[in-house]
Amino acid sequence: MKKILGVMILGLFWCNVVFADLILFCKQEVRFIIEKDNSETINMKQDWKFVITETEIIVPGFEVMYKELMRKNYSETSYYASDKMVADESFIAFHTYIKISRTTGEGYISQTIANTTTKQPFICSTKEPKLLF
């Protein structure tokens, strides 16, 4: 009995918690552009791929545009990442964040540049889309 207990305790010392990267494939249909006095909806079909790591969300192919999206503990039901906001007293100069629901796969990228905000909603899945040629 002591040997079994000893083996179990030593086994627990060697165990590590591991976070595997999650890859999501998402489809976007529209883009919303919101300014101070007006808003506009644009039909825009785009495919996204997100790699969710323990510390950040990576957008392959758009690393320069969406860099340093560090994950925050926003809630247990969604993945959330935000960059370092550049702001002064009068307006936000530049800010990007991504939020994806862990249960429905619905999410969006929101990006604010000066006084204009774009919101790009999408639906995600872990299944890679098939290419049709």
Foldseek 3Di string as FASTA:
>chain_A
DVVVVVVVVVVVVPDDDDWDKAKKKKWFQWKWKDFDPDIDIGGDIDIWIWIDTPFAIATPPCCVVDDPFTWDPPDPQKTKTWHDWCDDDPFTQWIWMKIAGNPFQKIWIWIDHTRMIMIIIIGIDSDDDDDDD
